[in-house]
Amino acid sequence: ESSRLFWKHIMAMGSDLINYLTKRLYIWESIYVFTMNVCLPRRIPLFVS
C-alpha cells in the first residue's frame, strides 16, 4: 500500500516537472522566434549596404 502511494507521488512529481519544462520550452521558443522575426531582419540591410 505504501509503495502505491509512493508511485502515485512520483508520478505526480513527474507530471509537474513535465508541465514546468514544457512551459519553459515554450517561453524560450517564443523568445527565439521573436528574435529571428524582429531583431535579425532589421540587421540584414546593414550587411547589404
N, C-alpha and C. Protein backbone atom coordinates (compact mmCIF):
# COMPACT_ATOMS: atom_id res chain seq x y z
N GLU A 1 0.84 -1.21 0.00
CA GLU A 1 0.00 0.00 0.00
C GLU A 1 0.87 1.26 0.00
N SER A 2 1.94 1.23 0.79
CA SER A 2 2.81 2.40 0.86
C SER A 2 3.54 2.60 -0.47
N SER A 3 3.88 1.48 -1.13
CA SER A 3 4.57 1.60 -2.42
C SER A 3 3.65 2.21 -3.47
N ARG A 4 2.35 1.92 -3.38
CA ARG A 4 1.40 2.50 -4.33
C ARG A 4 1.32 4.02 -4.13
N LEU A 5 1.28 4.45 -2.87
CA LEU A 5 1.29 5.88 -2.58
C LEU A 5 2.58 6.52 -3.05
N PHE A 6 3.68 5.80 -2.86
CA PHE A 6 4.99 6.30 -3.29
C PHE A 6 5.00 6.53 -4.80
N TRP A 7 4.51 5.53 -5.56
CA TRP A 7 4.49 5.66 -7.01
C TRP A 7 3.55 6.78 -7.47
N LYS A 8 2.43 6.92 -6.75
CA LYS A 8 1.49 7.99 -7.08
C LYS A 8 2.16 9.36 -6.90
N HIS A 9 2.94 9.46 -5.83
CA HIS A 9 3.68 10.69 -5.54
C HIS A 9 4.73 10.95 -6.63
N ILE A 10 5.45 9.91 -7.03
CA ILE A 10 6.47 10.04 -8.08
C ILE A 10 5.84 10.48 -9.40
N MET A 11 4.71 9.87 -9.74
CA MET A 11 4.04 10.21 -10.99
C MET A 11 3.55 11.66 -10.97
N ALA A 12 3.05 12.11 -9.83
CA ALA A 12 2.59 13.49 -9.71
C ALA A 12 3.76 14.46 -9.86
N MET A 13 4.87 14.13 -9.23
CA MET A 13 6.06 14.97 -9.36
C MET A 13 6.54 15.01 -10.81
N GLY A 14 6.51 13.85 -11.47
CA GLY A 14 6.93 13.77 -12.86
C GLY A 14 6.07 14.62 -13.77
N SER A 15 4.76 14.59 -13.58
CA SER A 15 3.87 15.38 -14.42
C SER A 15 4.05 16.87 -14.16
N ASP A 16 4.29 17.23 -12.88
CA ASP A 16 4.58 18.63 -12.56
C ASP A 16 5.85 19.09 -13.26
N LEU A 17 6.87 18.23 -13.23
CA LEU A 17 8.14 18.56 -13.87
C LEU A 17 7.97 18.73 -15.37
N ILE A 18 7.20 17.84 -15.99
CA ILE A 18 6.95 17.91 -17.43
C ILE A 18 6.21 19.20 -17.78
N ASN A 19 5.21 19.55 -16.97
CA ASN A 19 4.48 20.80 -17.20
C ASN A 19 5.41 22.00 -17.10
N TYR A 20 6.28 21.99 -16.08
CA TYR A 20 7.22 23.09 -15.87
C TYR A 20 8.17 23.21 -17.06
N LEU A 21 8.71 22.08 -17.51
CA LEU A 21 9.67 22.10 -18.61
C LEU A 21 9.03 22.53 -19.92
N THR A 22 7.79 22.09 -20.17
CA THR A 22 7.13 22.49 -21.42
C THR A 22 6.82 23.98 -21.41
N LYS A 23 6.47 24.54 -20.24
CA LYS A 23 6.26 25.98 -20.15
C LYS A 23 7.57 26.72 -20.42
N ARG A 24 8.67 26.25 -19.82
CA ARG A 24 9.97 26.86 -20.05
C ARG A 24 10.34 26.80 -21.53
N LEU A 25 10.14 25.62 -22.14
CA LEU A 25 10.47 25.42 -23.54
C LEU A 25 9.65 26.36 -24.42
N TYR A 26 8.37 26.52 -24.08
CA TYR A 26 7.50 27.42 -24.84
C TYR A 26 8.01 28.85 -24.76
N ILE A 27 8.42 29.28 -23.55
CA ILE A 27 8.94 30.63 -23.36
C ILE A 27 10.20 30.84 -24.20
N TRP A 28 11.14 29.89 -24.14
CA TRP A 28 12.39 30.03 -24.90
C TRP A 28 12.13 30.01 -26.39
N GLU A 29 11.17 29.16 -26.83
CA GLU A 29 10.86 29.08 -28.25
C GLU A 29 10.26 30.39 -28.75
N SER A 30 9.39 30.99 -27.94
CA SER A 30 8.78 32.25 -28.35
C SER A 30 9.82 33.37 -28.37
N ILE A 31 10.77 33.36 -27.42
CA ILE A 31 11.86 34.34 -27.43
C ILE A 31 12.70 34.17 -28.70
N TYR A 32 12.99 32.92 -29.04
CA TYR A 32 13.79 32.62 -30.24
C TYR A 32 13.07 33.10 -31.51
N VAL A 33 11.78 32.79 -31.61
CA VAL A 33 11.00 33.19 -32.78
C VAL A 33 10.93 34.71 -32.87
N PHE A 34 10.73 35.37 -31.73
CA PHE A 34 10.69 36.82 -31.69
C PHE A 34 12.01 37.41 -32.18
N THR A 35 13.12 36.84 -31.71
CA THR A 35 14.44 37.32 -32.11
C THR A 35 14.66 37.15 -33.60
N MET A 36 14.31 35.98 -34.13
CA MET A 36 14.52 35.71 -35.55
C MET A 36 13.65 36.61 -36.43
N ASN A 37 12.43 36.91 -35.98
CA ASN A 37 11.49 37.66 -36.81
C ASN A 37 11.64 39.17 -36.68
N VAL A 38 12.08 39.65 -35.51
CA VAL A 38 12.09 41.09 -35.25
C VAL A 38 13.50 41.66 -35.28
N CYS A 39 14.42 41.06 -34.56
CA CYS A 39 15.75 41.64 -34.40
C CYS A 39 16.63 41.41 -35.63
N LEU A 40 16.62 40.19 -36.15
CA LEU A 40 17.54 39.87 -37.25
C LEU A 40 17.20 40.55 -38.57
N PRO A 41 15.92 40.60 -38.99
CA PRO A 41 15.62 41.27 -40.27
C PRO A 41 16.04 42.73 -40.31
N ARG A 42 16.07 43.40 -39.17
CA ARG A 42 16.48 44.80 -39.14
C ARG A 42 17.99 44.94 -39.35
N ARG A 43 18.74 43.89 -39.07
CA ARG A 43 20.19 43.96 -39.22
C ARG A 43 20.63 43.61 -40.64
N ILE A 44 19.78 42.93 -41.38
CA ILE A 44 20.15 42.48 -42.72
C ILE A 44 20.49 43.66 -43.66
N PRO A 45 19.72 44.76 -43.69
CA PRO A 45 20.08 45.89 -44.55
C PRO A 45 21.46 46.47 -44.24
N LEU A 46 21.90 46.38 -42.99
CA LEU A 46 23.23 46.86 -42.64
C LEU A 46 24.30 46.06 -43.38
N PHE A 47 24.09 44.75 -43.48
CA PHE A 47 25.05 43.91 -44.19
C PHE A 47 24.98 44.16 -45.69
N VAL A 48 23.78 44.42 -46.20
CA VAL A 48 23.59 44.63 -47.63
C VAL A 48 24.25 45.94 -48.06
N SER A 49 24.04 46.99 -47.30
CA SER A 49 24.62 48.29 -47.64
C SER A 49 26.07 48.36 -47.14
